[in-house]
Amino acid sequence: MLRTAPIRFINAPVGRRSVAYDHRAISDGHKATEHRRKPARGGQNLSDRYIRLEKSVRQKEVFSNKLEQIQPSLAQVVSQSSAGGLKPHQKPLQFFHGFQIPEEPKPPADDGYEKAVANLRSSLYGLGIPEYEWPASIQLKASSPNQSGPSDLEKRKDTILSAFEEMERSLALKRQAEVKAESRDGSPS
């Protein structure tokens, strides 16, 4: 009997590369597969899979449209919460009996705020909701004798007037400086 030597891989350097010779690797270019893992399963028809996915996406759109028609406010709440809802510096919106309560702006920029509050008050009066149930930010502030300190409107006016008075004072100082400079230049020294 002939003894055969075990098959070894020979690494022969060719230039900078080394080539490994394996008799199994040299074939007709196809990798020999030993066996399929699950031969009974078969492949998946990708056209059918695409059609299934397309149908599911369309059905989700139809379902969400029906949901919005049935309960629009619930769908908006769900969409706001899933989309992240609020920016980090944004306050949450406040609602009272289905009406949005306008946010009170900083003092210089209240152009539409008073009008929005007036519209909200008239709507609440129209619905017959008593004023004591309203949020404190939209209730009419009646001046009572036991109220301590100036009201918000007076504070705002004081802020505006003090800024205006400060501007007038600086202009008066500037005019005085100009008059002094002219009197020095105009008079012979």
N, C-alpha and C. Protein backbone atom coordinates (compact mmCIF):
# COMPACT_ATOMS: atom_id res chain seq x y z
N MET A 1 0.79 -1.17 0.00
CA MET A 1 0.00 0.00 0.00
C MET A 1 0.85 1.25 0.00
N LEU A 2 0.32 2.19 -0.67
CA LEU A 2 1.02 3.47 -0.74
C LEU A 2 0.54 4.38 0.39
N ARG A 3 1.49 4.98 0.95
CA ARG A 3 1.15 5.94 1.99
C ARG A 3 1.09 7.33 1.37
N THR A 4 0.05 8.03 1.72
CA THR A 4 -0.06 9.40 1.20
C THR A 4 0.27 10.38 2.31
N ALA A 5 0.94 11.38 1.93
CA ALA A 5 1.29 12.42 2.90
C ALA A 5 0.07 13.31 3.13
N PRO A 6 -0.06 13.80 4.32
CA PRO A 6 -1.19 14.71 4.56
C PRO A 6 -1.07 15.96 3.69
N ILE A 7 -2.23 16.49 3.32
CA ILE A 7 -2.26 17.67 2.45
C ILE A 7 -1.89 18.89 3.28
N ARG A 8 -0.94 19.63 2.77
CA ARG A 8 -0.51 20.85 3.44
C ARG A 8 -0.73 22.03 2.51
N PHE A 9 -0.95 23.17 3.13
CA PHE A 9 -1.06 24.39 2.36
C PHE A 9 0.34 24.96 2.20
N ILE A 10 0.65 25.33 1.00
CA ILE A 10 1.97 25.84 0.72
C ILE A 10 1.86 27.35 0.53
N ASN A 11 2.62 28.05 1.30
CA ASN A 11 2.67 29.51 1.16
C ASN A 11 3.94 29.84 0.41
N ALA A 12 3.77 30.25 -0.81
CA ALA A 12 4.94 30.61 -1.61
C ALA A 12 4.93 32.11 -1.83
N PRO A 13 5.95 32.81 -1.37
CA PRO A 13 5.96 34.25 -1.57
C PRO A 13 6.15 34.61 -3.03
N VAL A 14 5.28 35.46 -3.55
CA VAL A 14 5.37 35.95 -4.91
C VAL A 14 5.40 37.46 -4.81
N GLY A 15 6.54 38.04 -4.95
CA GLY A 15 6.66 39.48 -4.77
C GLY A 15 6.34 39.84 -3.34
N ARG A 16 5.34 40.66 -3.15
CA ARG A 16 4.93 41.05 -1.80
C ARG A 16 3.78 40.20 -1.30
N ARG A 17 3.21 39.40 -2.13
CA ARG A 17 2.05 38.61 -1.74
C ARG A 17 2.46 37.18 -1.42
N SER A 18 1.64 36.57 -0.62
CA SER A 18 1.83 35.14 -0.41
C SER A 18 0.56 34.45 -0.85
N VAL A 19 0.70 33.36 -1.54
CA VAL A 19 -0.44 32.66 -2.11
C VAL A 19 -0.62 31.36 -1.36
N ALA A 20 -1.82 31.10 -0.93
CA ALA A 20 -2.12 29.84 -0.25
C ALA A 20 -2.79 28.92 -1.24
N TYR A 21 -2.28 27.73 -1.37
CA TYR A 21 -2.84 26.77 -2.31
C TYR A 21 -3.70 25.79 -1.53
N ASP A 22 -4.93 25.71 -1.92
CA ASP A 22 -5.86 24.75 -1.32
C ASP A 22 -6.59 24.09 -2.46
N HIS A 23 -6.55 22.78 -2.51
CA HIS A 23 -7.16 22.10 -3.65
C HIS A 23 -8.68 22.29 -3.68
N ARG A 24 -9.29 22.62 -2.51
CA ARG A 24 -10.73 22.83 -2.50
C ARG A 24 -11.09 24.22 -3.03
N ALA A 25 -10.18 25.17 -2.89
CA ALA A 25 -10.46 26.54 -3.31
C ALA A 25 -10.34 26.69 -4.82
N ILE A 26 -9.52 25.87 -5.43
CA ILE A 26 -9.34 25.96 -6.87
C ILE A 26 -10.41 25.08 -7.50
N SER A 27 -11.39 25.72 -8.08
CA SER A 27 -12.47 24.97 -8.71
C SER A 27 -13.02 25.82 -9.83
N ASP A 28 -14.28 25.63 -10.13
CA ASP A 28 -14.87 26.36 -11.24
C ASP A 28 -15.33 27.77 -10.83
N GLY A 29 -14.92 28.26 -9.68
CA GLY A 29 -15.26 29.62 -9.25
C GLY A 29 -16.42 29.67 -8.28
N HIS A 30 -17.11 28.57 -8.09
CA HIS A 30 -18.24 28.54 -7.16
C HIS A 30 -17.80 27.87 -5.87
N LYS A 31 -18.23 28.42 -4.78
CA LYS A 31 -17.90 27.83 -3.50
C LYS A 31 -18.79 26.61 -3.29
N ALA A 32 -18.18 25.55 -2.94
CA ALA A 32 -18.94 24.32 -2.74
C ALA A 32 -19.65 24.39 -1.40
N THR A 33 -20.98 24.33 -1.44
CA THR A 33 -21.75 24.32 -0.20
C THR A 33 -22.00 22.89 0.18
N GLU A 34 -21.84 22.63 1.43
CA GLU A 34 -22.02 21.26 1.87
C GLU A 34 -23.49 20.88 1.84
N HIS A 35 -24.34 21.65 2.46
CA HIS A 35 -25.77 21.40 2.41
C HIS A 35 -26.50 22.67 2.88
N ARG A 36 -27.73 22.81 2.48
CA ARG A 36 -28.52 23.94 2.93
C ARG A 36 -28.98 23.69 4.35
N ARG A 37 -29.13 24.76 5.09
CA ARG A 37 -29.51 24.58 6.50
C ARG A 37 -30.91 24.00 6.63
N LYS A 38 -31.87 24.60 5.93
CA LYS A 38 -33.25 24.11 6.00
C LYS A 38 -33.75 23.94 4.58
N PRO A 39 -33.56 22.77 4.00
CA PRO A 39 -33.92 22.58 2.60
C PRO A 39 -35.42 22.68 2.34
N ALA A 40 -36.26 22.40 3.32
CA ALA A 40 -37.71 22.42 3.10
C ALA A 40 -38.25 23.85 3.09
N ARG A 41 -37.51 24.79 3.63
CA ARG A 41 -38.01 26.14 3.77
C ARG A 41 -38.10 26.87 2.43
N GLY A 42 -37.12 26.78 1.62
CA GLY A 42 -37.14 27.46 0.33
C GLY A 42 -36.86 28.94 0.48
N GLY A 43 -36.73 29.64 -0.62
CA GLY A 43 -36.44 31.07 -0.59
C GLY A 43 -37.72 31.89 -0.49
N GLN A 44 -37.56 33.19 -0.39
CA GLN A 44 -38.70 34.09 -0.28
C GLN A 44 -38.83 34.87 -1.57
N ASN A 45 -40.05 34.97 -2.07
CA ASN A 45 -40.29 35.73 -3.28
C ASN A 45 -40.28 37.21 -2.89
N LEU A 46 -39.27 37.92 -3.38
CA LEU A 46 -39.12 39.31 -2.97
C LEU A 46 -40.21 40.21 -3.53
N SER A 47 -40.77 39.87 -4.68
CA SER A 47 -41.88 40.66 -5.23
C SER A 47 -43.09 40.57 -4.32
N ASP A 48 -43.40 39.36 -3.86
CA ASP A 48 -44.52 39.19 -2.93
C ASP A 48 -44.26 39.93 -1.62
N ARG A 49 -43.03 39.87 -1.15
CA ARG A 49 -42.69 40.54 0.11
C ARG A 49 -42.87 42.05 -0.04
N TYR A 50 -42.45 42.63 -1.17
CA TYR A 50 -42.60 44.06 -1.42
C TYR A 50 -44.09 44.43 -1.44
N ILE A 51 -44.90 43.61 -2.08
CA ILE A 51 -46.35 43.88 -2.15
C ILE A 51 -46.96 43.84 -0.75
N ARG A 52 -46.56 42.86 0.07
CA ARG A 52 -47.06 42.78 1.44
C ARG A 52 -46.69 44.02 2.24
N LEU A 53 -45.45 44.44 2.13
CA LEU A 53 -45.01 45.63 2.87
C LEU A 53 -45.75 46.88 2.41
N GLU A 54 -45.95 47.00 1.10
CA GLU A 54 -46.65 48.16 0.55
C GLU A 54 -48.10 48.20 1.06
N LYS A 55 -48.75 47.04 1.08
CA LYS A 55 -50.13 46.98 1.59
C LYS A 55 -50.18 47.38 3.06
N SER A 56 -49.22 46.91 3.85
CA SER A 56 -49.26 47.23 5.28
C SER A 56 -49.07 48.73 5.51
N VAL A 57 -48.20 49.36 4.72
CA VAL A 57 -48.00 50.80 4.86
C VAL A 57 -49.27 51.56 4.49
N ARG A 58 -49.91 51.14 3.40
CA ARG A 58 -51.16 51.80 2.99
C ARG A 58 -52.25 51.63 4.04
N GLN A 59 -52.35 50.43 4.62
CA GLN A 59 -53.37 50.19 5.63
C GLN A 59 -53.11 51.03 6.88
N LYS A 60 -51.84 51.22 7.23
CA LYS A 60 -51.53 52.07 8.38
C LYS A 60 -51.96 53.51 8.13
N GLU A 61 -51.75 54.00 6.90
CA GLU A 61 -52.17 55.36 6.56
C GLU A 61 -53.69 55.50 6.65
N VAL A 62 -54.41 54.52 6.11
CA VAL A 62 -55.88 54.56 6.15
C VAL A 62 -56.35 54.53 7.60
N PHE A 63 -55.73 53.68 8.41
CA PHE A 63 -56.12 53.57 9.81
C PHE A 63 -55.87 54.88 10.55
N SER A 64 -54.73 55.51 10.31
CA SER A 64 -54.44 56.78 11.00
C SER A 64 -55.39 57.88 10.54
N ASN A 65 -55.78 57.89 9.25
CA ASN A 65 -56.75 58.88 8.77
C ASN A 65 -58.10 58.68 9.43
N LYS A 66 -58.53 57.42 9.56
CA LYS A 66 -59.81 57.14 10.23
C LYS A 66 -59.75 57.57 11.69
N LEU A 67 -58.62 57.32 12.33
CA LEU A 67 -58.47 57.70 13.73
C LEU A 67 -58.55 59.22 13.90
N GLU A 68 -57.94 59.96 12.97
CA GLU A 68 -58.01 61.42 13.04
C GLU A 68 -59.43 61.93 12.82
N GLN A 69 -60.20 61.25 11.95
CA GLN A 69 -61.58 61.67 11.72
C GLN A 69 -62.45 61.40 12.94
N ILE A 70 -62.19 60.29 13.61
CA ILE A 70 -63.01 59.92 14.77
C ILE A 70 -62.66 60.81 15.97
N GLN A 71 -61.39 60.90 16.30
CA GLN A 71 -60.96 61.66 17.46
C GLN A 71 -59.79 62.56 17.07
N PRO A 72 -60.06 63.74 16.52
CA PRO A 72 -58.94 64.58 16.08
C PRO A 72 -58.07 65.07 17.23
N SER A 73 -58.66 65.39 18.38
CA SER A 73 -57.84 65.90 19.47
C SER A 73 -56.94 64.82 20.04
N LEU A 74 -57.43 63.58 20.13
CA LEU A 74 -56.61 62.47 20.63
C LEU A 74 -55.47 62.18 19.68
N ALA A 75 -55.74 62.23 18.37
CA ALA A 75 -54.68 61.97 17.39
C ALA A 75 -53.61 63.05 17.46
N GLN A 76 -54.00 64.30 17.71
CA GLN A 76 -53.02 65.38 17.81
C GLN A 76 -52.17 65.21 19.06
N VAL A 77 -52.79 64.80 20.16
CA VAL A 77 -52.04 64.58 21.39
C VAL A 77 -51.04 63.46 21.20
N VAL A 78 -51.47 62.37 20.55
CA VAL A 78 -50.59 61.23 20.30
C VAL A 78 -49.45 61.65 19.39
N SER A 79 -49.74 62.42 18.34
CA SER A 79 -48.68 62.83 17.41
C SER A 79 -47.71 63.79 18.09
N GLN A 80 -48.19 64.66 18.98
CA GLN A 80 -47.29 65.58 19.67
C GLN A 80 -46.39 64.82 20.63
N SER A 81 -46.93 63.84 21.34
CA SER A 81 -46.11 63.10 22.29
C SER A 81 -45.12 62.20 21.59
N SER A 82 -45.49 61.63 20.42
CA SER A 82 -44.56 60.75 19.72
C SER A 82 -43.49 61.53 18.99
N ALA A 83 -43.77 62.76 18.60
CA ALA A 83 -42.80 63.55 17.85
C ALA A 83 -41.85 64.30 18.78
N GLY A 84 -41.92 64.06 20.04
CA GLY A 84 -41.05 64.77 20.96
C GLY A 84 -41.79 65.90 21.64
N GLY A 85 -42.89 66.35 21.03
CA GLY A 85 -43.75 67.34 21.66
C GLY A 85 -43.14 68.71 21.75
N LEU A 86 -42.50 69.01 22.85
CA LEU A 86 -42.08 70.37 23.13
C LEU A 86 -40.58 70.53 22.98
N LYS A 87 -40.21 71.72 22.66
CA LYS A 87 -38.79 72.05 22.65
C LYS A 87 -38.38 72.23 24.11
N PRO A 88 -37.10 72.12 24.42
CA PRO A 88 -36.69 72.22 25.82
C PRO A 88 -37.07 73.54 26.49
N HIS A 89 -37.09 74.65 25.75
CA HIS A 89 -37.37 75.94 26.36
C HIS A 89 -38.83 76.36 26.21
N GLN A 90 -39.65 75.51 25.60
CA GLN A 90 -41.04 75.87 25.34
C GLN A 90 -41.93 75.37 26.48
N LYS A 91 -42.84 76.23 26.93
CA LYS A 91 -43.77 75.84 27.99
C LYS A 91 -44.92 75.04 27.39
N PRO A 92 -45.52 74.14 28.15
CA PRO A 92 -46.65 73.38 27.62
C PRO A 92 -47.87 74.28 27.44
N LEU A 93 -48.69 73.95 26.45
CA LEU A 93 -49.90 74.73 26.20
C LEU A 93 -50.93 74.42 27.28
N GLN A 94 -51.66 75.45 27.70
CA GLN A 94 -52.68 75.28 28.73
C GLN A 94 -54.05 75.45 28.09
N PHE A 95 -54.96 74.55 28.45
CA PHE A 95 -56.32 74.61 27.93
C PHE A 95 -57.29 74.70 29.09
N PHE A 96 -58.40 75.42 28.86
CA PHE A 96 -59.47 75.54 29.85
C PHE A 96 -60.79 75.43 29.10
N HIS A 97 -61.55 74.39 29.39
CA HIS A 97 -62.83 74.12 28.72
C HIS A 97 -62.68 74.13 27.20
N GLY A 98 -61.59 73.58 26.71
CA GLY A 98 -61.36 73.48 25.27
C GLY A 98 -60.75 74.69 24.62
N PHE A 99 -60.54 75.76 25.38
CA PHE A 99 -59.92 76.98 24.84
C PHE A 99 -58.46 77.03 25.27
N GLN A 100 -57.60 77.46 24.35
CA GLN A 100 -56.19 77.60 24.69
C GLN A 100 -55.98 78.92 25.41
N ILE A 101 -55.32 78.86 26.55
CA ILE A 101 -55.02 80.06 27.32
C ILE A 101 -53.75 80.67 26.75
N PRO A 102 -53.80 81.93 26.30
CA PRO A 102 -52.60 82.54 25.72
C PRO A 102 -51.52 82.75 26.79
N GLU A 103 -50.26 82.59 26.36
CA GLU A 103 -49.15 82.80 27.28
C GLU A 103 -48.94 84.29 27.49
N GLU A 104 -48.65 84.66 28.71
CA GLU A 104 -48.42 86.07 29.01
C GLU A 104 -47.01 86.43 28.54
N PRO A 105 -46.90 87.41 27.62
CA PRO A 105 -45.58 87.75 27.08
C PRO A 105 -44.78 88.62 28.04
N LYS A 106 -43.52 88.81 27.70
CA LYS A 106 -42.69 89.73 28.48
C LYS A 106 -43.16 91.15 28.18
N PRO A 107 -42.97 92.11 29.08
CA PRO A 107 -43.59 93.43 28.98
C PRO A 107 -43.54 94.16 27.64
N PRO A 108 -42.45 94.26 26.91
CA PRO A 108 -42.54 95.10 25.72
C PRO A 108 -43.35 94.50 24.58
N ALA A 109 -43.57 93.20 24.54
CA ALA A 109 -44.21 92.58 23.37
C ALA A 109 -45.54 91.95 23.74
N ASP A 110 -46.57 92.76 23.94
CA ASP A 110 -47.88 92.21 24.28
C ASP A 110 -48.95 92.68 23.31
N ASP A 111 -48.61 92.80 22.03
CA ASP A 111 -49.54 93.35 21.04
C ASP A 111 -50.84 92.55 20.96
N GLY A 112 -50.75 91.25 20.70
CA GLY A 112 -51.95 90.47 20.50
C GLY A 112 -52.45 89.78 21.76
N TYR A 113 -51.69 89.86 22.84
CA TYR A 113 -52.06 89.14 24.06
C TYR A 113 -53.36 89.64 24.65
N GLU A 114 -53.49 90.95 24.79
CA GLU A 114 -54.71 91.51 25.39
C GLU A 114 -55.94 91.17 24.55
N LYS A 115 -55.79 91.20 23.23
CA LYS A 115 -56.91 90.87 22.36
C LYS A 115 -57.29 89.40 22.50
N ALA A 116 -56.28 88.53 22.60
CA ALA A 116 -56.55 87.09 22.75
C ALA A 116 -57.23 86.80 24.08
N VAL A 117 -56.78 87.47 25.13
CA VAL A 117 -57.41 87.28 26.45
C VAL A 117 -58.84 87.80 26.43
N ALA A 118 -59.08 88.93 25.78
CA ALA A 118 -60.44 89.47 25.69
C ALA A 118 -61.36 88.52 24.93
N ASN A 119 -60.86 87.94 23.84
CA ASN A 119 -61.67 86.96 23.09
C ASN A 119 -61.97 85.73 23.94
N LEU A 120 -60.98 85.27 24.70
CA LEU A 120 -61.18 84.11 25.56
C LEU A 120 -62.20 84.42 26.65
N ARG A 121 -62.10 85.59 27.24
CA ARG A 121 -63.06 85.97 28.29
C ARG A 121 -64.48 86.03 27.74
N SER A 122 -64.64 86.62 26.54
CA SER A 122 -65.99 86.71 25.97
C SER A 122 -66.53 85.32 25.65
N SER A 123 -65.68 84.41 25.20
CA SER A 123 -66.13 83.03 24.93
C SER A 123 -66.56 82.34 26.22
N LEU A 124 -65.79 82.54 27.29
CA LEU A 124 -66.13 81.91 28.57
C LEU A 124 -67.40 82.53 29.15
N TYR A 125 -67.59 83.85 28.99
CA TYR A 125 -68.84 84.47 29.43
C TYR A 125 -70.01 83.89 28.63
N GLY A 126 -69.82 83.71 27.34
CA GLY A 126 -70.87 83.17 26.47
C GLY A 126 -71.28 81.76 26.88
N LEU A 127 -70.33 80.97 27.36
CA LEU A 127 -70.64 79.61 27.81
C LEU A 127 -71.23 79.58 29.21
N GLY A 128 -71.23 80.71 29.89
CA GLY A 128 -71.81 80.78 31.23
C GLY A 128 -70.91 80.22 32.31
N ILE A 129 -69.62 80.21 32.09
CA ILE A 129 -68.68 79.71 33.09
C ILE A 129 -68.36 80.86 34.04
N PRO A 130 -68.58 80.67 35.34
CA PRO A 130 -68.33 81.76 36.29
C PRO A 130 -66.85 82.14 36.34
N GLU A 131 -66.62 83.40 36.60
CA GLU A 131 -65.25 83.94 36.55
C GLU A 131 -64.35 83.33 37.62
N TYR A 132 -64.89 82.93 38.75
CA TYR A 132 -64.04 82.37 39.80
C TYR A 132 -63.47 81.00 39.42
N GLU A 133 -64.05 80.35 38.39
CA GLU A 133 -63.50 79.07 37.93
C GLU A 133 -62.39 79.26 36.89
N TRP A 134 -62.26 80.45 36.36
CA TRP A 134 -61.26 80.71 35.33
C TRP A 134 -59.86 80.61 35.92
N PRO A 135 -58.87 80.36 35.08
CA PRO A 135 -57.48 80.42 35.56
C PRO A 135 -57.14 81.84 36.01
N ALA A 136 -56.26 81.96 36.97
CA ALA A 136 -55.94 83.27 37.55
C ALA A 136 -55.34 84.22 36.52
N SER A 137 -54.69 83.68 35.50
CA SER A 137 -54.03 84.56 34.52
C SER A 137 -55.01 85.29 33.62
N ILE A 138 -56.27 84.80 33.51
CA ILE A 138 -57.23 85.47 32.63
C ILE A 138 -58.38 86.11 33.38
N GLN A 139 -58.43 85.96 34.70
CA GLN A 139 -59.48 86.61 35.47
C GLN A 139 -59.28 88.12 35.44
N LEU A 140 -60.40 88.84 35.47
CA LEU A 140 -60.31 90.29 35.55
C LEU A 140 -59.80 90.65 36.93
N LYS A 141 -58.83 91.52 36.98
CA LYS A 141 -58.23 91.89 38.26
C LYS A 141 -58.92 93.16 38.76
N ALA A 142 -59.86 92.97 39.67
CA ALA A 142 -60.57 94.13 40.24
C ALA A 142 -59.69 94.74 41.30
N SER A 143 -59.59 96.05 41.27
CA SER A 143 -58.75 96.71 42.27
C SER A 143 -59.50 96.73 43.60
N SER A 144 -58.96 96.05 44.56
CA SER A 144 -59.58 95.99 45.88
C SER A 144 -58.73 96.80 46.86
N PRO A 145 -59.35 97.35 47.91
CA PRO A 145 -58.60 98.19 48.85
C PRO A 145 -57.56 97.41 49.64
N ASN A 146 -57.75 96.12 49.84
CA ASN A 146 -56.79 95.35 50.63
C ASN A 146 -55.64 94.82 49.78
N GLN A 147 -55.57 95.26 48.55
CA GLN A 147 -54.51 94.81 47.66
C GLN A 147 -53.24 95.59 47.99
N SER A 148 -52.15 94.90 48.26
CA SER A 148 -50.92 95.59 48.63
C SER A 148 -50.01 95.71 47.42
N GLY A 149 -49.40 96.86 47.26
CA GLY A 149 -48.46 97.07 46.16
C GLY A 149 -49.17 97.48 44.88
N PRO A 150 -48.39 97.96 43.90
CA PRO A 150 -48.98 98.39 42.64
C PRO A 150 -49.40 97.19 41.78
N SER A 151 -50.36 97.44 40.90
CA SER A 151 -50.83 96.36 40.03
C SER A 151 -49.81 96.13 38.91
N ASP A 152 -50.03 95.08 38.13
CA ASP A 152 -49.12 94.74 37.04
C ASP A 152 -49.08 95.85 35.99
N LEU A 153 -50.26 96.44 35.72
CA LEU A 153 -50.31 97.51 34.73
C LEU A 153 -49.50 98.72 35.20
N GLU A 154 -49.62 99.05 36.49
CA GLU A 154 -48.86 100.17 37.03
C GLU A 154 -47.36 99.88 37.00
N LYS A 155 -46.99 98.65 37.30
CA LYS A 155 -45.58 98.27 37.25
C LYS A 155 -45.04 98.41 35.83
N ARG A 156 -45.85 97.98 34.87
CA ARG A 156 -45.43 98.05 33.47
C ARG A 156 -45.27 99.51 33.05
N LYS A 157 -46.24 100.35 33.44
CA LYS A 157 -46.15 101.78 33.11
C LYS A 157 -44.93 102.41 33.77
N ASP A 158 -44.66 102.02 35.02
CA ASP A 158 -43.49 102.55 35.71
C ASP A 158 -42.20 102.16 34.99
N THR A 159 -42.14 100.94 34.52
CA THR A 159 -40.96 100.47 33.79
C THR A 159 -40.76 101.27 32.52
N ILE A 160 -41.85 101.47 31.78
CA ILE A 160 -41.76 102.22 30.52
C ILE A 160 -41.39 103.68 30.80
N LEU A 161 -42.06 104.28 31.80
CA LEU A 161 -41.78 105.68 32.12
C LEU A 161 -40.36 105.86 32.64
N SER A 162 -39.89 104.95 33.46
CA SER A 162 -38.53 105.10 33.97
C SER A 162 -37.51 104.99 32.84
N ALA A 163 -37.76 104.12 31.88
CA ALA A 163 -36.85 104.02 30.72
C ALA A 163 -36.91 105.31 29.90
N PHE A 164 -38.11 105.84 29.73
CA PHE A 164 -38.27 107.08 28.97
C PHE A 164 -37.60 108.25 29.70
N GLU A 165 -37.80 108.33 31.01
CA GLU A 165 -37.19 109.41 31.79
C GLU A 165 -35.67 109.31 31.76
N GLU A 166 -35.15 108.10 31.81
CA GLU A 166 -33.70 107.91 31.74
C GLU A 166 -33.16 108.39 30.40
N MET A 167 -33.90 108.10 29.33
CA MET A 167 -33.49 108.55 28.00
C MET A 167 -33.51 110.08 27.93
N GLU A 168 -34.56 110.70 28.47
CA GLU A 168 -34.64 112.16 28.48
C GLU A 168 -33.50 112.77 29.29
N ARG A 169 -33.17 112.18 30.42
CA ARG A 169 -32.07 112.69 31.27
C ARG A 169 -30.74 112.63 30.52
N SER A 170 -30.50 111.51 29.81
CA SER A 170 -29.24 111.39 29.07
C SER A 170 -29.18 112.40 27.92
N LEU A 171 -30.32 112.65 27.27
CA LEU A 171 -30.35 113.66 26.20
C LEU A 171 -30.10 115.06 26.77
N ALA A 172 -30.66 115.36 27.93
CA ALA A 172 -30.45 116.67 28.56
C ALA A 172 -28.98 116.87 28.91
N LEU A 173 -28.32 115.83 29.44
CA LEU A 173 -26.89 115.93 29.75
C LEU A 173 -26.07 116.14 28.49
N LYS A 174 -26.47 115.47 27.42
CA LYS A 174 -25.76 115.61 26.15
C LYS A 174 -25.91 117.04 25.62
N ARG A 175 -27.12 117.60 25.72
CA ARG A 175 -27.35 118.98 25.26
C ARG A 175 -26.54 119.98 26.09
N GLN A 176 -26.49 119.76 27.39
CA GLN A 176 -25.72 120.65 28.26
C GLN A 176 -24.24 120.61 27.89
N ALA A 177 -23.74 119.41 27.60
CA ALA A 177 -22.34 119.28 27.22
C ALA A 177 -22.07 120.00 25.90
N GLU A 178 -23.02 119.92 24.96
CA GLU A 178 -22.86 120.60 23.68
C GLU A 178 -22.88 122.12 23.87
N VAL A 179 -23.78 122.62 24.73
CA VAL A 179 -23.88 124.06 24.99
C VAL A 179 -22.59 124.56 25.62
N LYS A 180 -22.03 123.82 26.57
CA LYS A 180 -20.78 124.22 27.21
C LYS A 180 -19.64 124.24 26.20
N ALA A 181 -19.61 123.24 25.31
CA ALA A 181 -18.55 123.18 24.31
C ALA A 181 -18.66 124.36 23.35
N GLU A 182 -19.87 124.72 22.96
CA GLU A 182 -20.07 125.86 22.06
C GLU A 182 -19.70 127.17 22.74
N SER A 183 -20.03 127.31 24.02
CA SER A 183 -19.73 128.55 24.73
C SER A 183 -18.22 128.72 24.90
N ARG A 184 -17.48 127.64 25.08
CA ARG A 184 -16.03 127.73 25.19
C ARG A 184 -15.41 128.12 23.85
N ASP A 185 -15.93 127.48 22.78
CA ASP A 185 -15.38 127.75 21.46
C ASP A 185 -15.76 129.16 20.97
N GLY A 186 -16.94 129.62 21.30
CA GLY A 186 -17.42 130.92 20.82
C GLY A 186 -16.85 132.10 21.59
N SER A 187 -16.48 131.95 22.85
CA SER A 187 -15.99 133.08 23.65
C SER A 187 -14.47 133.21 23.48
N PRO A 188 -13.96 134.48 23.42
CA PRO A 188 -12.51 134.66 23.30
C PRO A 188 -11.81 134.35 24.61
N SER A 189 -10.73 133.61 24.51
CA SER A 189 -9.99 133.24 25.72
C SER A 189 -8.72 134.02 25.85
